[in-house]
Amino acid sequence: MCSLEQFKIDLKALTEDVTSLEWELDNHFFEQLDGAQLQQGSLHVSGTIRKSVGFYELSLHVTGTVEVPCDRCLDPMDQPIDADLRLVVKLGDTYTEDDDVITVDEARPVLDTAWFIYESIALAVPIRHVHQPGDCNVAMSEKLQELSAARSSDADATEEIDPRWNALLKLKEKK
C-alpha cells in the first residue's frame, strides 16, 4: 500500500545536511494521483535532499516499469523507465514554480514530491511504444496488415492523377 503522505517532505524538520530518500511505487501510487494517465507500474525511487544556506536541492532517480498500451496492437506492455529528477527548493512568501526552482510557503514548509515524481516518470515514457518484434497480439497484427495492404493497393489501382496536376508535371519536366 502506497500513501501519498510519505512523499511530503517537511523542509524545516530536516536535521541533517543530506537526507536519503527511498520509495517503492506500485499501482496504488498511480491510482491516488488525480488526472494521472499512467495507471500501473512498479518503480523504485531513490535520492537525496541536500540542505544548503537558503535552499534545498532534491535529486531523485527513478527506475522500473510502467504499463502502457502498445501502439500497434493495443495490448498492455511493460515500458522500462530510467529517469532523473533535480529540483531546487527555497522558502518564500507563497508557493510558486519557476522553471526548476520551487518556492514553498515558509509558514507551511512542506514539499509534496508525488506529482513531480509522476511527471518525471511520464516524461520518461517514449512517444512511440511498441512490443518487441513477435510479441504483439497476432490477431491484431494480422488485421492491421490486412487493412493496411487493402487500403494502399486500392488507392493505387483506382485513383487517376488529377488533370490539373498533369499540367504541373509538364512544367516540371521542361526544366
C-alpha atoms as a PDB file:
ATOM      1  CA  MET A   1       0.000   0.000   0.000  1.00  0.00           C
ATOM      2  CA  CYS A   2       1.367   3.386  -1.008  1.00  0.00           C
ATOM      3  CA  SER A   3       0.195   6.552   0.727  1.00  0.00           C
ATOM      4  CA  LEU A   4       0.877   9.922  -0.864  1.00  0.00           C
ATOM      5  CA  GLU A   5       1.611  11.364   2.600  1.00  0.00           C
ATOM      6  CA  GLN A   6       5.039   9.724   2.535  1.00  0.00           C
ATOM      7  CA  PHE A   7       6.007  11.941  -0.427  1.00  0.00           C
ATOM      8  CA  LYS A   8       5.507  15.142   1.585  1.00  0.00           C
ATOM      9  CA  ILE A   9       8.790  16.456   2.958  1.00  0.00           C
ATOM     10  CA  ASP A  10       8.768  18.905   5.863  1.00  0.00           C
ATOM     11  CA  LEU A  11      11.734  21.077   4.925  1.00  0.00           C
ATOM     12  CA  LYS A  12      12.182  22.734   8.321  1.00  0.00           C
ATOM     13  CA  ALA A  13      12.201  19.332  10.044  1.00  0.00           C
ATOM     14  CA  LEU A  14      15.275  18.185   8.106  1.00  0.00           C
ATOM     15  CA  THR A  15      18.082  17.865  10.632  1.00  0.00           C
ATOM     16  CA  GLU A  16      20.945  16.556   8.509  1.00  0.00           C
ATOM     17  CA  ASP A  17      22.719  18.328   5.662  1.00  0.00           C
ATOM     18  CA  VAL A  18      21.941  15.397   3.334  1.00  0.00           C
ATOM     19  CA  THR A  19      18.872  13.193   3.794  1.00  0.00           C
ATOM     20  CA  SER A  20      18.440   9.961   1.853  1.00  0.00           C
ATOM     21  CA  LEU A  21      15.072   9.148   0.314  1.00  0.00           C
ATOM     22  CA  GLU A  22      13.741   5.753  -0.841  1.00  0.00           C
ATOM     23  CA  TRP A  23      10.271   4.832  -2.080  1.00  0.00           C
ATOM     24  CA  GLU A  24       8.661   1.884  -3.837  1.00  0.00           C
ATOM     25  CA  LEU A  25       5.883   2.857  -6.247  1.00  0.00           C
ATOM     26  CA  ASP A  26       3.108   0.480  -7.268  1.00  0.00           C
ATOM     27  CA  ASN A  27      -0.325   0.661  -8.910  1.00  0.00           C
ATOM     28  CA  HIS A  28      -1.775   2.285  -5.798  1.00  0.00           C
ATOM     29  CA  PHE A  29       0.512   5.311  -6.254  1.00  0.00           C
ATOM     30  CA  PHE A  30      -0.866   5.945  -9.759  1.00  0.00           C
ATOM     31  CA  GLU A  31      -4.483   5.385  -8.634  1.00  0.00           C
ATOM     32  CA  GLN A  32      -4.186   8.046  -5.912  1.00  0.00           C
ATOM     33  CA  LEU A  33      -2.982  10.756  -8.288  1.00  0.00           C
ATOM     34  CA  ASP A  34      -5.886  12.670  -9.806  1.00  0.00           C
ATOM     35  CA  GLY A  35      -5.566  13.076 -13.553  1.00  0.00           C
ATOM     36  CA  ALA A  36      -2.731  10.601 -13.981  1.00  0.00           C
ATOM     37  CA  GLN A  37      -2.707   8.934 -17.395  1.00  0.00           C
ATOM     38  CA  LEU A  38      -0.383   6.153 -16.278  1.00  0.00           C
ATOM     39  CA  GLN A  39      -2.269   3.752 -14.055  1.00  0.00           C
ATOM     40  CA  GLN A  40       0.034   0.799 -13.432  1.00  0.00           C
ATOM     41  CA  GLY A  41       3.674   0.283 -12.727  1.00  0.00           C
ATOM     42  CA  SER A  42       6.365  -0.926 -10.406  1.00  0.00           C
ATOM     43  CA  LEU A  43       9.156   1.546  -9.740  1.00  0.00           C
ATOM     44  CA  HIS A  44      11.904   2.302  -7.264  1.00  0.00           C
ATOM     45  CA  VAL A  45      12.728   5.899  -6.350  1.00  0.00           C
ATOM     46  CA  SER A  46      15.968   6.753  -4.588  1.00  0.00           C
ATOM     47  CA  GLY A  47      17.715  10.007  -3.978  1.00  0.00           C
ATOM     48  CA  THR A  48      18.727  12.735  -1.614  1.00  0.00           C
ATOM     49  CA  ILE A  49      17.666  16.140  -0.423  1.00  0.00           C
ATOM     50  CA  ARG A  50      20.605  18.385   0.403  1.00  0.00           C
ATOM     51  CA  LYS A  51      20.107  21.286   2.772  1.00  0.00           C
ATOM     52  CA  SER A  52      22.122  24.414   1.989  1.00  0.00           C
ATOM     53  CA  VAL A  53      22.024  28.041   3.030  1.00  0.00           C
ATOM     54  CA  GLY A  54      18.806  29.470   1.592  1.00  0.00           C
ATOM     55  CA  PHE A  55      17.731  26.490  -0.487  1.00  0.00           C
ATOM     56  CA  TYR A  56      17.305  22.719  -0.708  1.00  0.00           C
ATOM     57  CA  GLU A  57      18.430  20.553  -3.606  1.00  0.00           C
ATOM     58  CA  LEU A  58      16.335  17.469  -4.371  1.00  0.00           C
ATOM     59  CA  SER A  59      17.899  14.782  -6.588  1.00  0.00           C
ATOM     60  CA  LEU A  60      15.916  11.632  -7.379  1.00  0.00           C
ATOM     61  CA  HIS A  61      16.486   8.633  -9.633  1.00  0.00           C
ATOM     62  CA  VAL A  62      13.521   6.516 -10.787  1.00  0.00           C
ATOM     63  CA  THR A  63      13.877   3.008 -12.249  1.00  0.00           C
ATOM     64  CA  GLY A  64      11.346   0.301 -13.029  1.00  0.00           C
ATOM     65  CA  THR A  65       8.499  -0.265 -15.465  1.00  0.00           C
ATOM     66  CA  VAL A  66       5.087   1.202 -16.213  1.00  0.00           C
ATOM     67  CA  GLU A  67       2.308  -0.427 -18.191  1.00  0.00           C
ATOM     68  CA  VAL A  68       1.294   1.356 -21.405  1.00  0.00           C
ATOM     69  CA  PRO A  69      -0.732   0.218 -24.434  1.00  0.00           C
ATOM     70  CA  CYS A  70       1.240  -0.923 -27.476  1.00  0.00           C
ATOM     71  CA  ASP A  71       0.792   1.495 -30.386  1.00  0.00           C
ATOM     72  CA  ARG A  72       0.373  -1.386 -32.847  1.00  0.00           C
ATOM     73  CA  CYS A  73      -1.821  -3.990 -31.150  1.00  0.00           C
ATOM     74  CA  LEU A  74      -3.176  -2.022 -28.140  1.00  0.00           C
ATOM     75  CA  ASP A  75      -2.257  -4.848 -25.746  1.00  0.00           C
ATOM     76  CA  PRO A  76      -0.607  -3.722 -22.498  1.00  0.00           C
ATOM     77  CA  MET A  77       3.169  -3.764 -22.422  1.00  0.00           C
ATOM     78  CA  ASP A  78       5.818  -3.004 -19.820  1.00  0.00           C
ATOM     79  CA  GLN A  79       7.816   0.112 -20.665  1.00  0.00           C
ATOM     80  CA  PRO A  80      11.167   0.399 -18.859  1.00  0.00           C
ATOM     81  CA  ILE A  81      11.707   3.709 -17.062  1.00  0.00           C
ATOM     82  CA  ASP A  82      15.022   5.253 -16.075  1.00  0.00           C
ATOM     83  CA  ALA A  83      14.614   8.909 -15.115  1.00  0.00           C
ATOM     84  CA  ASP A  84      16.342  11.563 -13.062  1.00  0.00           C
ATOM     85  CA  LEU A  85      14.707  14.482 -11.297  1.00  0.00           C
ATOM     86  CA  ARG A  86      16.516  17.501  -9.919  1.00  0.00           C
ATOM     87  CA  LEU A  87      14.730  20.372  -8.196  1.00  0.00           C
ATOM     88  CA  VAL A  88      15.903  23.392  -6.281  1.00  0.00           C
ATOM     89  CA  VAL A  89      13.549  24.385  -3.485  1.00  0.00           C
ATOM     90  CA  LYS A  90      13.600  27.562  -1.444  1.00  0.00           C
ATOM     91  CA  LEU A  91      11.360  29.057   1.210  1.00  0.00           C
ATOM     92  CA  GLY A  92       9.352  32.189   0.443  1.00  0.00           C
ATOM     93  CA  ASP A  93       6.067  34.020   0.939  1.00  0.00           C
ATOM     94  CA  THR A  94       3.884  31.863  -1.345  1.00  0.00           C
ATOM     95  CA  TYR A  95       4.097  28.629  -3.288  1.00  0.00           C
ATOM     96  CA  THR A  96       5.382  29.129  -6.852  1.00  0.00           C
ATOM     97  CA  GLU A  97       7.015  27.017  -9.535  1.00  0.00           C
ATOM     98  CA  ASP A  98       9.509  28.839 -11.765  1.00  0.00           C
ATOM     99  CA  ASP A  99      11.489  26.589 -14.126  1.00  0.00           C
ATOM    100  CA  ASP A 100      13.485  24.292 -11.829  1.00  0.00           C
ATOM    101  CA  VAL A 101      13.077  26.460  -8.723  1.00  0.00           C
ATOM    102  CA  ILE A 102      10.155  25.698  -6.441  1.00  0.00           C
ATOM    103  CA  THR A 103       9.280  28.256  -3.771  1.00  0.00           C
ATOM    104  CA  VAL A 104       7.446  26.783  -0.773  1.00  0.00           C
ATOM    105  CA  ASP A 105       5.450  28.905   1.666  1.00  0.00           C
ATOM    106  CA  GLU A 106       7.602  29.468   4.752  1.00  0.00           C
ATOM    107  CA  ALA A 107       4.514  29.316   7.008  1.00  0.00           C
ATOM    108  CA  ARG A 108       3.858  25.743   5.808  1.00  0.00           C
ATOM    109  CA  PRO A 109       7.239  24.445   4.586  1.00  0.00           C
ATOM    110  CA  VAL A 110       6.074  21.111   3.160  1.00  0.00           C
ATOM    111  CA  LEU A 111       7.166  19.982  -0.308  1.00  0.00           C
ATOM    112  CA  ASP A 112       4.832  17.435  -1.937  1.00  0.00           C
ATOM    113  CA  THR A 113       7.049  15.452  -4.321  1.00  0.00           C
ATOM    114  CA  ALA A 114       4.393  12.971  -5.554  1.00  0.00           C
ATOM    115  CA  TRP A 115       3.352  14.911  -8.643  1.00  0.00           C
ATOM    116  CA  PHE A 116       6.971  15.838  -9.517  1.00  0.00           C
ATOM    117  CA  ILE A 117       7.893  12.147  -9.390  1.00  0.00           C
ATOM    118  CA  TYR A 118       4.901  11.256 -11.551  1.00  0.00           C
ATOM    119  CA  GLU A 119       5.812  13.925 -14.118  1.00  0.00           C
ATOM    120  CA  SER A 120       9.385  12.652 -14.391  1.00  0.00           C
ATOM    121  CA  ILE A 121       8.026   9.122 -14.968  1.00  0.00           C
ATOM    122  CA  ALA A 122       5.530  10.323 -17.586  1.00  0.00           C
ATOM    123  CA  LEU A 123       8.221  12.291 -19.413  1.00  0.00           C
ATOM    124  CA  ALA A 124      10.470   9.220 -19.499  1.00  0.00           C
ATOM    125  CA  VAL A 125       7.860   7.227 -21.461  1.00  0.00           C
ATOM    126  CA  PRO A 126       8.826   7.422 -25.149  1.00  0.00           C
ATOM    127  CA  ILE A 127       6.348   8.882 -27.629  1.00  0.00           C
ATOM    128  CA  ARG A 128       6.209   5.633 -29.557  1.00  0.00           C
ATOM    129  CA  HIS A 129       5.935   2.411 -27.586  1.00  0.00           C
ATOM    130  CA  VAL A 130       5.616  -0.938 -29.332  1.00  0.00           C
ATOM    131  CA  HIS A 131       6.257  -4.544 -28.374  1.00  0.00           C
ATOM    132  CA  GLN A 132       9.454  -6.246 -29.442  1.00  0.00           C
ATOM    133  CA  PRO A 133       9.102  -7.974 -32.848  1.00  0.00           C
ATOM    134  CA  GLY A 134       6.947 -11.062 -32.444  1.00  0.00           C
ATOM    135  CA  ASP A 135       5.413 -10.025 -29.099  1.00  0.00           C
ATOM    136  CA  CYS A 136       2.398  -8.134 -30.494  1.00  0.00           C
ATOM    137  CA  ASN A 137      -1.078  -9.658 -30.438  1.00  0.00           C
ATOM    138  CA  VAL A 138      -1.093 -11.933 -33.513  1.00  0.00           C
ATOM    139  CA  ALA A 139      -4.774 -11.436 -34.399  1.00  0.00           C
ATOM    140  CA  MET A 140      -4.478  -7.650 -34.195  1.00  0.00           C
ATOM    141  CA  SER A 141      -1.235  -7.609 -36.214  1.00  0.00           C
ATOM    142  CA  GLU A 142      -2.813  -9.724 -38.964  1.00  0.00           C
ATOM    143  CA  LYS A 143      -5.869  -7.457 -39.129  1.00  0.00           C
ATOM    144  CA  LEU A 144      -3.666  -4.356 -39.242  1.00  0.00           C
ATOM    145  CA  GLN A 145      -1.573  -5.860 -42.039  1.00  0.00           C
ATOM    146  CA  GLU A 146      -4.712  -6.835 -43.978  1.00  0.00           C
ATOM    147  CA  LEU A 147      -6.286  -3.390 -43.697  1.00  0.00           C
ATOM    148  CA  SER A 148      -3.047  -1.553 -44.481  1.00  0.00           C
ATOM    149  CA  ALA A 149      -2.406  -3.646 -47.602  1.00  0.00           C
ATOM    150  CA  ALA A 150      -6.017  -3.318 -48.793  1.00  0.00           C
ATOM    151  CA  ARG A 151      -6.051   0.433 -48.342  1.00  0.00           C
ATOM    152  CA  SER A 152      -2.764   1.110 -50.139  1.00  0.00           C
ATOM    153  CA  SER A 153      -3.441  -1.260 -53.103  1.00  0.00           C
ATOM    154  CA  ASP A 154      -6.989   0.077 -53.603  1.00  0.00           C
ATOM    155  CA  ALA A 155      -5.804   3.658 -53.666  1.00  0.00           C
ATOM    156  CA  ASP A 156      -3.061   2.970 -56.213  1.00  0.00           C
ATOM    157  CA  ALA A 157      -5.285   0.954 -58.555  1.00  0.00           C
ATOM    158  CA  THR A 158      -8.375   3.146 -58.739  1.00  0.00           C
ATOM    159  CA  GLU A 159      -7.144   6.716 -58.496  1.00  0.00           C
ATOM    160  CA  GLU A 160      -6.098   8.636 -61.565  1.00  0.00           C
ATOM    161  CA  ILE A 161      -3.950  11.715 -61.340  1.00  0.00           C
ATOM    162  CA  ASP A 162      -5.987  14.902 -61.430  1.00  0.00           C
ATOM    163  CA  PRO A 163      -5.523  16.565 -64.863  1.00  0.00           C
ATOM    164  CA  ARG A 164      -4.508  19.821 -63.169  1.00  0.00           C
ATOM    165  CA  TRP A 165      -1.545  18.014 -61.616  1.00  0.00           C
ATOM    166  CA  ASN A 166      -0.620  16.601 -65.022  1.00  0.00           C
ATOM    167  CA  ALA A 167      -0.285  20.150 -66.311  1.00  0.00           C
ATOM    168  CA  LEU A 168       2.026  20.991 -63.417  1.00  0.00           C
ATOM    169  CA  LEU A 169       4.099  17.871 -64.064  1.00  0.00           C
ATOM    170  CA  LYS A 170       4.618  19.011 -67.661  1.00  0.00           C
ATOM    171  CA  LEU A 171       6.020  22.324 -66.385  1.00  0.00           C
ATOM    172  CA  LYS A 172       8.377  20.430 -64.112  1.00  0.00           C
ATOM    173  CA  GLU A 173       9.600  18.222 -66.989  1.00  0.00           C
ATOM    174  CA  LYS A 174      10.514  21.289 -69.108  1.00  0.00           C
ATOM    175  CA  LYS A 175      13.225  22.336 -66.662  1.00  0.00           C
END
